[in-house]
Each structure stands twice: as C-alpha cells, then as structure tokens.
C-alpha atoms as a PDB file:
ATOM      1  CA  UNK A   1     -16.188 -67.447 211.647  1.00  0.00           C
ATOM      2  CA  UNK A   2     -14.796 -67.144 208.111  1.00  0.00           C
ATOM      3  CA  UNK A   3     -17.328 -65.481 205.830  1.00  0.00           C
ATOM      4  CA  UNK A   4     -19.278 -62.707 207.547  1.00  0.00           C
ATOM      5  CA  UNK A   5     -21.277 -61.527 204.526  1.00  0.00           C
ATOM      6  CA  UNK A   6     -24.978 -61.467 205.371  1.00  0.00           C
ATOM      7  CA  UNK A   7     -24.321 -61.569 209.128  1.00  0.00           C
ATOM      8  CA  UNK A   8     -24.348 -58.861 211.752  1.00  0.00           C
ATOM      9  CA  UNK A   9     -20.880 -57.348 211.959  1.00  0.00           C
ATOM     10  CA  UNK A  10     -19.196 -58.228 215.256  1.00  0.00           C
ATOM     11  CA  UNK A  11     -19.507 -55.387 217.753  1.00  0.00           C
ATOM     12  CA  UNK A  12     -16.368 -53.759 219.115  1.00  0.00           C
ATOM     13  CA  UNK A  13     -15.666 -51.315 221.919  1.00  0.00           C
ATOM     14  CA  UNK A  14     -12.034 -50.210 221.892  1.00  0.00           C
ATOM     15  CA  UNK A  15      -9.822 -47.180 222.279  1.00  0.00           C
ATOM     16  CA  UNK A  16      -9.078 -45.155 219.170  1.00  0.00           C
ATOM     17  CA  UNK A  17      -7.553 -42.019 217.714  1.00  0.00           C
ATOM     18  CA  UNK A  18      -9.665 -39.780 215.484  1.00  0.00           C
ATOM     19  CA  UNK A  19      -9.318 -36.460 213.726  1.00  0.00           C
ATOM     20  CA  UNK A  20      -5.583 -36.977 213.440  1.00  0.00           C
ATOM     21  CA  UNK A  21      -4.848 -36.484 217.133  1.00  0.00           C
ATOM     22  CA  UNK A  22      -7.846 -36.933 219.457  1.00  0.00           C
ATOM     23  CA  UNK A  23      -7.844 -39.937 221.790  1.00  0.00           C
ATOM     24  CA  UNK A  24     -11.167 -41.774 222.191  1.00  0.00           C
ATOM     25  CA  UNK A  25     -11.657 -44.087 225.164  1.00  0.00           C
ATOM     26  CA  UNK A  26     -14.633 -45.954 223.720  1.00  0.00           C
ATOM     27  CA  UNK A  27     -15.295 -46.403 220.004  1.00  0.00           C
ATOM     28  CA  UNK A  28     -18.141 -48.790 219.197  1.00  0.00           C
ATOM     29  CA  UNK A  29     -19.559 -50.054 215.920  1.00  0.00           C
ATOM     30  CA  UNK A  30     -23.038 -49.116 217.136  1.00  0.00           C
ATOM     31  CA  UNK A  31     -21.869 -45.474 217.216  1.00  0.00           C
ATOM     32  CA  UNK A  32     -22.092 -45.603 213.403  1.00  0.00           C
ATOM     33  CA  UNK A  33     -25.600 -47.119 213.055  1.00  0.00           C
ATOM     34  CA  UNK A  34     -27.437 -45.336 210.244  1.00  0.00           C
ATOM     35  CA  UNK A  35     -24.246 -44.923 208.214  1.00  0.00           C
ATOM     36  CA  UNK A  36     -22.317 -47.291 206.017  1.00  0.00           C
ATOM     37  CA  UNK A  37     -18.944 -48.339 207.419  1.00  0.00           C
ATOM     38  CA  UNK A  38     -15.783 -49.417 205.646  1.00  0.00           C
ATOM     39  CA  UNK A  39     -13.770 -51.172 208.338  1.00  0.00           C
ATOM     40  CA  UNK A  40     -10.305 -52.112 207.155  1.00  0.00           C
ATOM     41  CA  UNK A  41      -7.551 -53.933 208.988  1.00  0.00           C
ATOM     42  CA  UNK A  42      -3.838 -53.456 208.384  1.00  0.00           C
ATOM     43  CA  UNK A  43      -0.881 -55.273 209.985  1.00  0.00           C
ATOM     44  CA  UNK A  44       1.066 -52.601 211.904  1.00  0.00           C
ATOM     45  CA  UNK A  45       1.874 -48.936 212.292  1.00  0.00           C
ATOM     46  CA  UNK A  46       5.297 -47.804 211.052  1.00  0.00           C
ATOM     47  CA  UNK A  47       5.515 -50.418 208.304  1.00  0.00           C
ATOM     48  CA  UNK A  48       5.631 -50.283 204.504  1.00  0.00           C
ATOM     49  CA  UNK A  49       2.491 -51.088 202.477  1.00  0.00           C
ATOM     50  CA  UNK A  50       0.289 -49.812 205.325  1.00  0.00           C
ATOM     51  CA  UNK A  51       0.977 -46.060 204.994  1.00  0.00           C
ATOM     52  CA  UNK A  52       0.267 -46.206 201.254  1.00  0.00           C
ATOM     53  CA  UNK A  53      -3.169 -47.650 202.019  1.00  0.00           C
ATOM     54  CA  UNK A  54      -3.980 -45.234 204.830  1.00  0.00           C
ATOM     55  CA  UNK A  55      -3.057 -42.249 202.663  1.00  0.00           C
ATOM     56  CA  UNK A  56      -5.046 -43.699 199.733  1.00  0.00           C
ATOM     57  CA  UNK A  57      -8.168 -43.891 201.911  1.00  0.00           C
ATOM     58  CA  UNK A  58      -7.561 -40.322 203.129  1.00  0.00           C
ATOM     59  CA  UNK A  59      -7.212 -39.061 199.537  1.00  0.00           C
ATOM     60  CA  UNK A  60     -10.687 -40.459 198.744  1.00  0.00           C
ATOM     61  CA  UNK A  61     -12.282 -39.610 202.090  1.00  0.00           C
ATOM     62  CA  UNK A  62     -14.539 -36.923 200.579  1.00  0.00           C
ATOM     63  CA  UNK A  63     -15.895 -39.519 198.131  1.00  0.00           C
ATOM     64  CA  UNK A  64     -16.757 -41.841 201.016  1.00  0.00           C
ATOM     65  CA  UNK A  65     -18.330 -38.985 202.994  1.00  0.00           C
ATOM     66  CA  UNK A  66     -20.554 -38.065 200.013  1.00  0.00           C
ATOM     67  CA  UNK A  67     -21.852 -41.642 200.110  1.00  0.00           C
ATOM     68  CA  UNK A  68     -22.614 -41.555 203.873  1.00  0.00           C
ATOM     69  CA  UNK A  69     -19.686 -43.905 204.577  1.00  0.00           C
ATOM     70  CA  UNK A  70     -17.443 -43.817 207.639  1.00  0.00           C
ATOM     71  CA  UNK A  71     -13.922 -45.127 207.038  1.00  0.00           C
ATOM     72  CA  UNK A  72     -12.315 -46.837 210.033  1.00  0.00           C
ATOM     73  CA  UNK A  73      -8.836 -48.371 210.145  1.00  0.00           C
ATOM     74  CA  UNK A  74      -7.775 -50.999 212.658  1.00  0.00           C
ATOM     75  CA  UNK A  75      -4.497 -52.591 213.706  1.00  0.00           C
ATOM     76  CA  UNK A  76      -3.129 -54.369 216.759  1.00  0.00           C
ATOM     77  CA  UNK A  77      -1.165 -51.275 217.817  1.00  0.00           C
ATOM     78  CA  UNK A  78      -1.867 -49.084 220.843  1.00  0.00           C
ATOM     79  CA  UNK A  79      -3.582 -45.716 220.563  1.00  0.00           C
ATOM     80  CA  UNK A  80      -0.218 -44.179 221.474  1.00  0.00           C
ATOM     81  CA  UNK A  81       1.476 -45.859 218.524  1.00  0.00           C
ATOM     82  CA  UNK A  82      -1.329 -44.597 216.245  1.00  0.00           C
ATOM     83  CA  UNK A  83      -0.871 -41.091 217.645  1.00  0.00           C
ATOM     84  CA  UNK A  84       2.897 -41.140 217.087  1.00  0.00           C
ATOM     85  CA  UNK A  85       2.456 -42.413 213.504  1.00  0.00           C
ATOM     86  CA  UNK A  86      -0.151 -39.715 212.835  1.00  0.00           C
ATOM     87  CA  UNK A  87       2.412 -37.106 213.909  1.00  0.00           C
ATOM     88  CA  UNK A  88       5.091 -38.524 211.584  1.00  0.00           C
ATOM     89  CA  UNK A  89       5.378 -36.759 208.200  1.00  0.00           C
ATOM     90  CA  UNK A  90       4.461 -38.680 205.064  1.00  0.00           C
ATOM     91  CA  UNK A  91       7.977 -38.309 203.609  1.00  0.00           C
ATOM     92  CA  UNK A  92       9.317 -40.116 206.685  1.00  0.00           C
ATOM     93  CA  UNK A  93       6.864 -43.016 206.339  1.00  0.00           C
ATOM     94  CA  UNK A  94       4.208 -41.512 208.574  1.00  0.00           C
ATOM     95  CA  UNK A  95       0.515 -40.897 208.129  1.00  0.00           C
ATOM     96  CA  UNK A  96       0.354 -37.229 209.065  1.00  0.00           C
ATOM     97  CA  UNK A  97      -2.851 -35.806 207.575  1.00  0.00           C
ATOM     98  CA  UNK A  98      -5.000 -38.927 208.074  1.00  0.00           C
ATOM     99  CA  UNK A  99      -8.183 -37.825 209.856  1.00  0.00           C
ATOM    100  CA  UNK A 100     -10.488 -40.861 209.981  1.00  0.00           C
ATOM    101  CA  UNK A 101     -10.694 -43.090 213.048  1.00  0.00           C
ATOM    102  CA  UNK A 102      -7.994 -45.672 213.828  1.00  0.00           C
ATOM    103  CA  UNK A 103      -9.010 -48.394 216.263  1.00  0.00           C
ATOM    104  CA  UNK A 104      -6.521 -49.770 218.772  1.00  0.00           C
ATOM    105  CA  UNK A 105      -6.950 -53.551 218.745  1.00  0.00           C
ATOM    106  CA  UNK A 106      -4.094 -54.110 221.161  1.00  0.00           C
ATOM    107  CA  UNK A 107      -5.836 -57.148 222.712  1.00  0.00           C
ATOM    108  CA  UNK A 108      -6.502 -58.536 219.193  1.00  0.00           C
ATOM    109  CA  UNK A 109     -10.170 -59.142 219.968  1.00  0.00           C
ATOM    110  CA  UNK A 110     -11.512 -57.200 216.975  1.00  0.00           C
ATOM    111  CA  UNK A 111      -9.136 -58.980 214.589  1.00  0.00           C
ATOM    112  CA  UNK A 112     -10.170 -62.348 216.012  1.00  0.00           C
ATOM    113  CA  UNK A 113     -13.879 -61.494 215.863  1.00  0.00           C
ATOM    114  CA  UNK A 114     -13.544 -60.561 212.178  1.00  0.00           C
ATOM    115  CA  UNK A 115     -11.340 -63.629 211.574  1.00  0.00           C
ATOM    116  CA  UNK A 116      -8.405 -61.706 210.101  1.00  0.00           C
ATOM    117  CA  UNK A 117      -5.781 -62.321 212.777  1.00  0.00           C
ATOM    118  CA  UNK A 118      -2.712 -64.102 211.437  1.00  0.00           C
ATOM    119  CA  UNK A 119      -1.985 -65.904 214.701  1.00  0.00           C
ATOM    120  CA  UNK A 120       1.527 -66.984 213.690  1.00  0.00           C
ATOM    121  CA  UNK A 121       2.530 -63.387 212.892  1.00  0.00           C
ATOM    122  CA  UNK A 122       0.461 -61.775 215.656  1.00  0.00           C
ATOM    123  CA  UNK A 123      -0.913 -59.137 213.270  1.00  0.00           C
ATOM    124  CA  UNK A 124      -4.019 -58.655 211.169  1.00  0.00           C
ATOM    125  CA  UNK A 125      -4.251 -59.565 207.528  1.00  0.00           C
ATOM    126  CA  UNK A 126      -5.514 -56.839 205.200  1.00  0.00           C
ATOM    127  CA  UNK A 127      -9.211 -57.489 205.777  1.00  0.00           C
ATOM    128  CA  UNK A 128     -11.879 -55.075 204.588  1.00  0.00           C
ATOM    129  CA  UNK A 129     -15.568 -55.160 205.509  1.00  0.00           C
ATOM    130  CA  UNK A 130     -18.355 -53.058 204.013  1.00  0.00           C
ATOM    131  CA  UNK A 131     -21.088 -52.808 206.633  1.00  0.00           C
ATOM    132  CA  UNK A 132     -24.543 -51.433 205.832  1.00  0.00           C
ATOM    133  CA  UNK A 133     -26.625 -48.935 207.832  1.00  0.00           C
ATOM    134  CA  UNK A 134     -28.190 -51.762 209.869  1.00  0.00           C
ATOM    135  CA  UNK A 135     -24.828 -53.239 210.870  1.00  0.00           C
ATOM    136  CA  UNK A 136     -24.829 -56.171 208.416  1.00  0.00           C
ATOM    137  CA  UNK A 137     -21.669 -57.115 206.511  1.00  0.00           C
ATOM    138  CA  UNK A 138     -22.411 -56.865 202.783  1.00  0.00           C
ATOM    139  CA  UNK A 139     -18.909 -57.287 201.319  1.00  0.00           C
ATOM    140  CA  UNK A 140     -15.590 -58.564 202.578  1.00  0.00           C
ATOM    141  CA  UNK A 141     -12.174 -59.180 201.119  1.00  0.00           C
ATOM    142  CA  UNK A 142      -8.984 -60.334 202.823  1.00  0.00           C
ATOM    143  CA  UNK A 143      -5.501 -59.841 201.361  1.00  0.00           C
ATOM    144  CA  UNK A 144      -2.223 -61.328 202.516  1.00  0.00           C
ATOM    145  CA  UNK A 145       0.244 -59.017 204.258  1.00  0.00           C
ATOM    146  CA  UNK A 146       2.149 -57.857 201.157  1.00  0.00           C
ATOM    147  CA  UNK A 147      -0.867 -57.149 198.929  1.00  0.00           C
ATOM    148  CA  UNK A 148      -2.179 -53.588 199.075  1.00  0.00           C
ATOM    149  CA  UNK A 149      -5.810 -52.746 198.336  1.00  0.00           C
ATOM    150  CA  UNK A 150      -7.406 -50.657 195.599  1.00  0.00           C
ATOM    151  CA  UNK A 151      -9.467 -47.890 197.219  1.00  0.00           C
ATOM    152  CA  UNK A 152     -11.332 -47.188 193.965  1.00  0.00           C
ATOM    153  CA  UNK A 153     -12.610 -50.781 194.083  1.00  0.00           C
ATOM    154  CA  UNK A 154     -13.931 -50.158 197.589  1.00  0.00           C
ATOM    155  CA  UNK A 155     -15.817 -47.099 196.316  1.00  0.00           C
ATOM    156  CA  UNK A 156     -17.161 -49.178 193.426  1.00  0.00           C
ATOM    157  CA  UNK A 157     -18.518 -51.745 195.873  1.00  0.00           C
ATOM    158  CA  UNK A 158     -20.158 -48.993 197.947  1.00  0.00           C
ATOM    159  CA  UNK A 159     -21.802 -47.658 194.771  1.00  0.00           C
ATOM    160  CA  UNK A 160     -22.990 -51.150 193.814  1.00  0.00           C
ATOM    161  CA  UNK A 161     -24.442 -51.814 197.264  1.00  0.00           C
ATOM    162  CA  UNK A 162     -26.241 -48.492 197.402  1.00  0.00           C
ATOM    163  CA  UNK A 163     -27.593 -48.939 193.870  1.00  0.00           C
ATOM    164  CA  UNK A 164     -28.986 -52.413 194.588  1.00  0.00           C
ATOM    165  CA  UNK A 165     -30.554 -51.184 197.830  1.00  0.00           C
ATOM    166  CA  UNK A 166     -32.205 -48.218 196.135  1.00  0.00           C
ATOM    167  CA  UNK A 167     -33.360 -49.781 192.855  1.00  0.00           C
ATOM    168  CA  UNK A 168     -33.537 -53.532 193.510  1.00  0.00           C
ATOM    169  CA  UNK A 169     -31.498 -54.328 190.408  1.00  0.00           C
ATOM    170  CA  UNK A 170     -28.143 -56.123 190.435  1.00  0.00           C
ATOM    171  CA  UNK A 171     -24.748 -54.992 189.207  1.00  0.00           C
ATOM    172  CA  UNK A 172     -22.946 -57.250 186.706  1.00  0.00           C
ATOM    173  CA  UNK A 173     -19.206 -57.887 186.441  1.00  0.00           C
ATOM    174  CA  UNK A 174     -17.024 -54.798 186.037  1.00  0.00           C
ATOM    175  CA  UNK A 175     -20.004 -52.523 186.736  1.00  0.00           C
ATOM    176  CA  UNK A 176     -19.287 -48.878 187.527  1.00  0.00           C
ATOM    177  CA  UNK A 177     -21.722 -46.174 188.580  1.00  0.00           C
ATOM    178  CA  UNK A 178     -23.786 -45.187 185.538  1.00  0.00           C
ATOM    179  CA  UNK A 179     -23.328 -48.522 183.745  1.00  0.00           C
ATOM    180  CA  UNK A 180     -26.219 -50.785 182.814  1.00  0.00           C
ATOM    181  CA  UNK A 181     -27.633 -53.015 185.547  1.00  0.00           C
ATOM    182  CA  UNK A 182     -30.150 -55.839 185.314  1.00  0.00           C
ATOM    183  CA  UNK A 183     -33.249 -57.167 186.963  1.00  0.00           C
ATOM    184  CA  UNK A 184     -32.383 -60.226 189.074  1.00  0.00           C
ATOM    185  CA  UNK A 185     -34.277 -62.763 186.982  1.00  0.00           C
ATOM    186  CA  UNK A 186     -33.949 -64.766 183.750  1.00  0.00           C
ATOM    187  CA  UNK A 187     -35.650 -62.080 181.667  1.00  0.00           C
ATOM    188  CA  UNK A 188     -33.349 -59.408 183.090  1.00  0.00           C
ATOM    189  CA  UNK A 189     -30.256 -61.447 182.230  1.00  0.00           C
ATOM    190  CA  UNK A 190     -31.435 -62.003 178.652  1.00  0.00           C
ATOM    191  CA  UNK A 191     -32.276 -58.331 178.229  1.00  0.00           C
ATOM    192  CA  UNK A 192     -28.859 -57.345 179.584  1.00  0.00           C
ATOM    193  CA  UNK A 193     -26.999 -59.476 177.026  1.00  0.00           C
ATOM    194  CA  UNK A 194     -29.353 -58.536 174.226  1.00  0.00           C
ATOM    195  CA  UNK A 195     -28.521 -54.866 174.702  1.00  0.00           C
ATOM    196  CA  UNK A 196     -24.763 -55.357 175.094  1.00  0.00           C
END
C-alpha cells in the first residue's frame, strides 16, 4: 500500500490492553469514529527505544485528550506480553503508568495493512498515522527501528490538521500553534512573505 495519506485508514479488530491493565477482546478503529486517532507502531515489548516512546506519549496524553485525540500503540506482541510490560516498573525498563490502549497485532495483520511490517525482522517499523474524525489518514511517518519519535512533533501535526480543518488556511514550514498561516493561493503566499 505504501502511502496511506488521503485514504481510509485500514480497519482493525484485535485484542488489546487499555487503562494499564484491562484486557479487551475486540478493539476496532471504528470504535473511535468522531475522534482523531494517533496510531503508532513500535517493534516489541521489553526492548530499548520503545519504552522511551511509550512513556513520552503518556507524558503528553492530557495534551492529546484536550485535542480530542485518542492515542493507540501497536506491536506484534500478545496482550499478555503487553500486560506484563505494563506491570513492570519504569526503572526496570517497563511501561508501568501507561494508560492508553495497546493493540495486540500478534498475527501481524494490522502491521501489514498499514505497510509497516519489516518482514525480515518480523516486527513493525516505527510507523505513526494521524487519522481524522472520519477515519481518513491525514499524516504518516515511518522511522527505522533505532530512530525514536518526537511526540511534540506529533502534537504539532495535530494542531496543524485541526487548524486547516477549522479555518481553511494552510500551515507553512516550522509552523506552531499561534504562528501565521496563509491562504492556499498565490495571493496568500505573497502576503505571507511580505509580512515575514
């Protein structure tokens, strides 16, 4: 599939763990219709870069919630592995304290559908998909296994998407909430640079 931006996000229906300890037998993307979703993939539980990312998303979870965004993590581990990792203290490499939903992609179908499965390694690359309230992918980025993400950049992209949806203007390079935007036409571009 490759680039999913502008397409309906592939549906999933898998087991999960949510709230830090609760098993869910059926977690579907359609459960989140009407909300924005940040769906991020990580290689494996009990590894190295992964817990830093999961904690970083947890630390900013209130910021996502304020923006009507559900954060969902996904790896090829079982729900039991997720549960054990969630019960492992942070100082021992665990993710105790993480409360958002973790999908169990043990059959690797979700990773394949989102085209982030590194077949040779049998794990997911660090893919991230920003999905709008109608279930359409609006942003995606995929990192190699050793390259951790910047959660503030994910929030920036949420802000940019929500701004363009609300006001119809576009967000230039390095834009942050509150910065100048532009109308998406030749006159808007000229005005933007004239005022810079």
